[in-house]
Amino acid sequence: MTAILVKALADLRRRRVQAAVIFLTVLLAMATGTMALTLMSQTRDPYQAAFEAQKGAHLQVEFKASTDPQLLASTPAIIGASAAGGHTLPPRCSSSTEANRSTCKPSGGTVPEATSRC
């Protein structure tokens, strides 16, 4: 066993450039393999990762203003939703020349009466 190690070390000393090229080739191959495994594990099933990050599916529903409020209240139970928020109407935004600011005012529904910046 020691004779083989002595011969290997002697060959490495004699052929330094070749030894360096082989070492560099093996190093780059290992780095490429590691990067490939990392990319595969990070990009596996992105939709499942997003689903888990949101703690379930999220659904945003638009409806006509003339829809019956009782029907809207019963919709979460019909579709099997675990939780539901109240309905909100989109704000009406207006621009003013005062410091180039826009303000949004609620247009009704269950939105609290307040003015906020857009």
C-alpha atoms as a PDB file:
ATOM      1  CA  MET A   1       0.000   0.000   0.000  1.00  0.00           C
ATOM      2  CA  THR A   2       2.785   2.451   0.854  1.00  0.00           C
ATOM      3  CA  ALA A   3       4.520   1.688  -2.436  1.00  0.00           C
ATOM      4  CA  ILE A   4       1.424   2.816  -4.318  1.00  0.00           C
ATOM      5  CA  LEU A   5       1.223   6.063  -2.325  1.00  0.00           C
ATOM      6  CA  VAL A   6       4.935   6.746  -2.895  1.00  0.00           C
ATOM      7  CA  LYS A   7       4.512   6.159  -6.649  1.00  0.00           C
ATOM      8  CA  ALA A   8       1.379   8.393  -6.761  1.00  0.00           C
ATOM      9  CA  LEU A   9       3.108  11.248  -4.928  1.00  0.00           C
ATOM     10  CA  ALA A  10       6.155  10.943  -7.177  1.00  0.00           C
ATOM     11  CA  ASP A  11       3.924  11.160 -10.272  1.00  0.00           C
ATOM     12  CA  LEU A  12       2.111  14.193  -8.847  1.00  0.00           C
ATOM     13  CA  ARG A  13       5.432  15.960  -8.252  1.00  0.00           C
ATOM     14  CA  ARG A  14       6.692  15.113 -11.716  1.00  0.00           C
ATOM     15  CA  ARG A  15       3.502  16.124 -13.556  1.00  0.00           C
ATOM     16  CA  ARG A  16       2.305  19.195 -11.656  1.00  0.00           C
ATOM     17  CA  VAL A  17       0.395  20.842 -14.512  1.00  0.00           C
ATOM     18  CA  GLN A  18      -1.504  17.660 -15.300  1.00  0.00           C
ATOM     19  CA  ALA A  19      -2.299  17.149 -11.610  1.00  0.00           C
ATOM     20  CA  ALA A  20      -3.572  20.735 -11.318  1.00  0.00           C
ATOM     21  CA  VAL A  21      -5.773  20.350 -14.424  1.00  0.00           C
ATOM     22  CA  ILE A  22      -7.283  17.104 -13.097  1.00  0.00           C
ATOM     23  CA  PHE A  23      -7.852  18.688  -9.670  1.00  0.00           C
ATOM     24  CA  LEU A  24      -9.531  21.736 -11.243  1.00  0.00           C
ATOM     25  CA  THR A  25     -11.685  19.538 -13.507  1.00  0.00           C
ATOM     26  CA  VAL A  26     -12.886  17.442 -10.566  1.00  0.00           C
ATOM     27  CA  LEU A  27     -13.545  20.568  -8.492  1.00  0.00           C
ATOM     28  CA  LEU A  28     -15.635  22.189 -11.259  1.00  0.00           C
ATOM     29  CA  ALA A  29     -17.555  18.938 -11.847  1.00  0.00           C
ATOM     30  CA  MET A  30     -18.428  18.745  -8.153  1.00  0.00           C
ATOM     31  CA  ALA A  31     -19.485  22.407  -8.089  1.00  0.00           C
ATOM     32  CA  THR A  32     -21.671  21.889 -11.169  1.00  0.00           C
ATOM     33  CA  GLY A  33     -23.321  18.848  -9.608  1.00  0.00           C
ATOM     34  CA  THR A  34     -23.957  20.712  -6.363  1.00  0.00           C
ATOM     35  CA  MET A  35     -25.467  23.669  -8.223  1.00  0.00           C
ATOM     36  CA  ALA A  36     -27.671  21.358 -10.304  1.00  0.00           C
ATOM     37  CA  LEU A  37     -29.010  19.610  -7.195  1.00  0.00           C
ATOM     38  CA  THR A  38     -29.659  22.953  -5.509  1.00  0.00           C
ATOM     39  CA  LEU A  39     -31.556  24.290  -8.526  1.00  0.00           C
ATOM     40  CA  MET A  40     -33.618  21.122  -8.808  1.00  0.00           C
ATOM     41  CA  SER A  41     -34.589  21.201  -5.145  1.00  0.00           C
ATOM     42  CA  GLN A  42     -35.451  24.920  -5.211  1.00  0.00           C
ATOM     43  CA  THR A  43     -37.556  24.789  -8.360  1.00  0.00           C
ATOM     44  CA  ARG A  44     -39.444  21.612  -7.544  1.00  0.00           C
ATOM     45  CA  ASP A  45     -43.202  22.215  -7.494  1.00  0.00           C
ATOM     46  CA  PRO A  46     -43.334  26.039  -7.220  1.00  0.00           C
ATOM     47  CA  TYR A  47     -47.139  26.034  -7.031  1.00  0.00           C
ATOM     48  CA  GLN A  48     -47.098  23.797  -3.966  1.00  0.00           C
ATOM     49  CA  ALA A  49     -44.517  26.082  -2.333  1.00  0.00           C
ATOM     50  CA  ALA A  50     -46.707  29.142  -3.009  1.00  0.00           C
ATOM     51  CA  PHE A  51     -49.770  27.290  -1.676  1.00  0.00           C
ATOM     52  CA  GLU A  52     -47.947  26.446   1.553  1.00  0.00           C
ATOM     53  CA  ALA A  53     -46.570  29.995   1.903  1.00  0.00           C
ATOM     54  CA  GLN A  54     -50.093  31.421   1.681  1.00  0.00           C
ATOM     55  CA  LYS A  55     -51.379  28.778   4.118  1.00  0.00           C
ATOM     56  CA  GLY A  56     -53.964  27.586   1.623  1.00  0.00           C
ATOM     57  CA  ALA A  57     -55.643  28.767  -1.520  1.00  0.00           C
ATOM     58  CA  HIS A  58     -56.787  32.366  -1.706  1.00  0.00           C
ATOM     59  CA  LEU A  59     -59.634  33.432  -3.909  1.00  0.00           C
ATOM     60  CA  GLN A  60     -60.773  36.905  -4.818  1.00  0.00           C
ATOM     61  CA  VAL A  61     -64.263  37.151  -6.251  1.00  0.00           C
ATOM     62  CA  GLU A  62     -65.862  40.038  -8.105  1.00  0.00           C
ATOM     63  CA  PHE A  63     -69.627  40.399  -8.156  1.00  0.00           C
ATOM     64  CA  LYS A  64     -72.244  42.740  -9.497  1.00  0.00           C
ATOM     65  CA  ALA A  65     -73.453  45.510  -7.216  1.00  0.00           C
ATOM     66  CA  SER A  66     -77.005  44.273  -7.684  1.00  0.00           C
ATOM     67  CA  THR A  67     -76.194  40.829  -6.192  1.00  0.00           C
ATOM     68  CA  ASP A  68     -78.335  39.842  -3.210  1.00  0.00           C
ATOM     69  CA  PRO A  69     -76.374  40.377   0.064  1.00  0.00           C
ATOM     70  CA  GLN A  70     -77.829  37.168   1.556  1.00  0.00           C
ATOM     71  CA  LEU A  71     -76.514  35.202  -1.415  1.00  0.00           C
ATOM     72  CA  LEU A  72     -73.092  36.796  -0.936  1.00  0.00           C
ATOM     73  CA  ALA A  73     -73.126  35.898   2.766  1.00  0.00           C
ATOM     74  CA  SER A  74     -73.901  32.244   1.993  1.00  0.00           C
ATOM     75  CA  THR A  75     -71.279  31.893  -0.780  1.00  0.00           C
ATOM     76  CA  PRO A  76     -68.316  30.902   1.487  1.00  0.00           C
ATOM     77  CA  ALA A  77     -70.297  27.975   2.918  1.00  0.00           C
ATOM     78  CA  ILE A  78     -71.372  26.872  -0.569  1.00  0.00           C
ATOM     79  CA  ILE A  79     -67.819  26.735  -1.942  1.00  0.00           C
ATOM     80  CA  GLY A  80     -66.390  25.224   1.251  1.00  0.00           C
ATOM     81  CA  ALA A  81     -64.184  28.132   2.260  1.00  0.00           C
ATOM     82  CA  SER A  82     -62.598  27.870   5.707  1.00  0.00           C
ATOM     83  CA  ALA A  83     -62.636  31.654   6.173  1.00  0.00           C
ATOM     84  CA  ALA A  84     -64.045  34.641   4.325  1.00  0.00           C
ATOM     85  CA  GLY A  85     -63.726  38.402   4.576  1.00  0.00           C
ATOM     86  CA  GLY A  86     -66.406  40.955   4.010  1.00  0.00           C
ATOM     87  CA  HIS A  87     -67.065  42.481   0.649  1.00  0.00           C
ATOM     88  CA  THR A  88     -65.407  45.772  -0.176  1.00  0.00           C
ATOM     89  CA  LEU A  89     -65.922  48.072  -3.079  1.00  0.00           C
ATOM     90  CA  PRO A  90     -63.002  49.618  -4.929  1.00  0.00           C
ATOM     91  CA  PRO A  91     -62.117  53.133  -3.798  1.00  0.00           C
ATOM     92  CA  ARG A  92     -62.672  56.186  -5.944  1.00  0.00           C
ATOM     93  CA  CYS A  93     -59.399  58.011  -6.427  1.00  0.00           C
ATOM     94  CA  SER A  94     -58.999  61.666  -7.212  1.00  0.00           C
ATOM     95  CA  SER A  95     -55.866  63.669  -7.854  1.00  0.00           C
ATOM     96  CA  SER A  96     -55.107  67.032  -6.437  1.00  0.00           C
ATOM     97  CA  THR A  97     -52.426  69.481  -7.406  1.00  0.00           C
ATOM     98  CA  GLU A  98     -51.465  69.957  -3.765  1.00  0.00           C
ATOM     99  CA  ALA A  99     -48.005  68.346  -3.535  1.00  0.00           C
ATOM    100  CA  ASN A 100     -48.924  65.913  -6.341  1.00  0.00           C
ATOM    101  CA  ARG A 101     -50.938  63.689  -3.996  1.00  0.00           C
ATOM    102  CA  SER A 102     -53.813  61.401  -4.794  1.00  0.00           C
ATOM    103  CA  THR A 103     -56.446  60.543  -2.244  1.00  0.00           C
ATOM    104  CA  CYS A 104     -58.807  57.599  -2.247  1.00  0.00           C
ATOM    105  CA  LYS A 105     -62.242  57.730  -0.731  1.00  0.00           C
ATOM    106  CA  PRO A 106     -64.318  54.632  -0.074  1.00  0.00           C
ATOM    107  CA  SER A 107     -67.266  54.228  -2.401  1.00  0.00           C
ATOM    108  CA  GLY A 108     -69.557  52.478   0.051  1.00  0.00           C
ATOM    109  CA  GLY A 109     -70.138  48.913   1.171  1.00  0.00           C
ATOM    110  CA  THR A 110     -68.430  47.688   4.326  1.00  0.00           C
ATOM    111  CA  VAL A 111     -65.359  49.889   3.882  1.00  0.00           C
ATOM    112  CA  PRO A 112     -64.801  52.107   6.939  1.00  0.00           C
ATOM    113  CA  GLU A 113     -65.195  55.789   6.347  1.00  0.00           C
ATOM    114  CA  ALA A 114     -61.664  57.052   5.971  1.00  0.00           C
ATOM    115  CA  THR A 115     -59.446  58.750   3.466  1.00  0.00           C
ATOM    116  CA  SER A 116     -56.145  57.133   2.606  1.00  0.00           C
ATOM    117  CA  ARG A 117     -53.361  57.724   0.153  1.00  0.00           C
ATOM    118  CA  CYS A 118     -53.313  55.655  -3.037  1.00  0.00           C
END
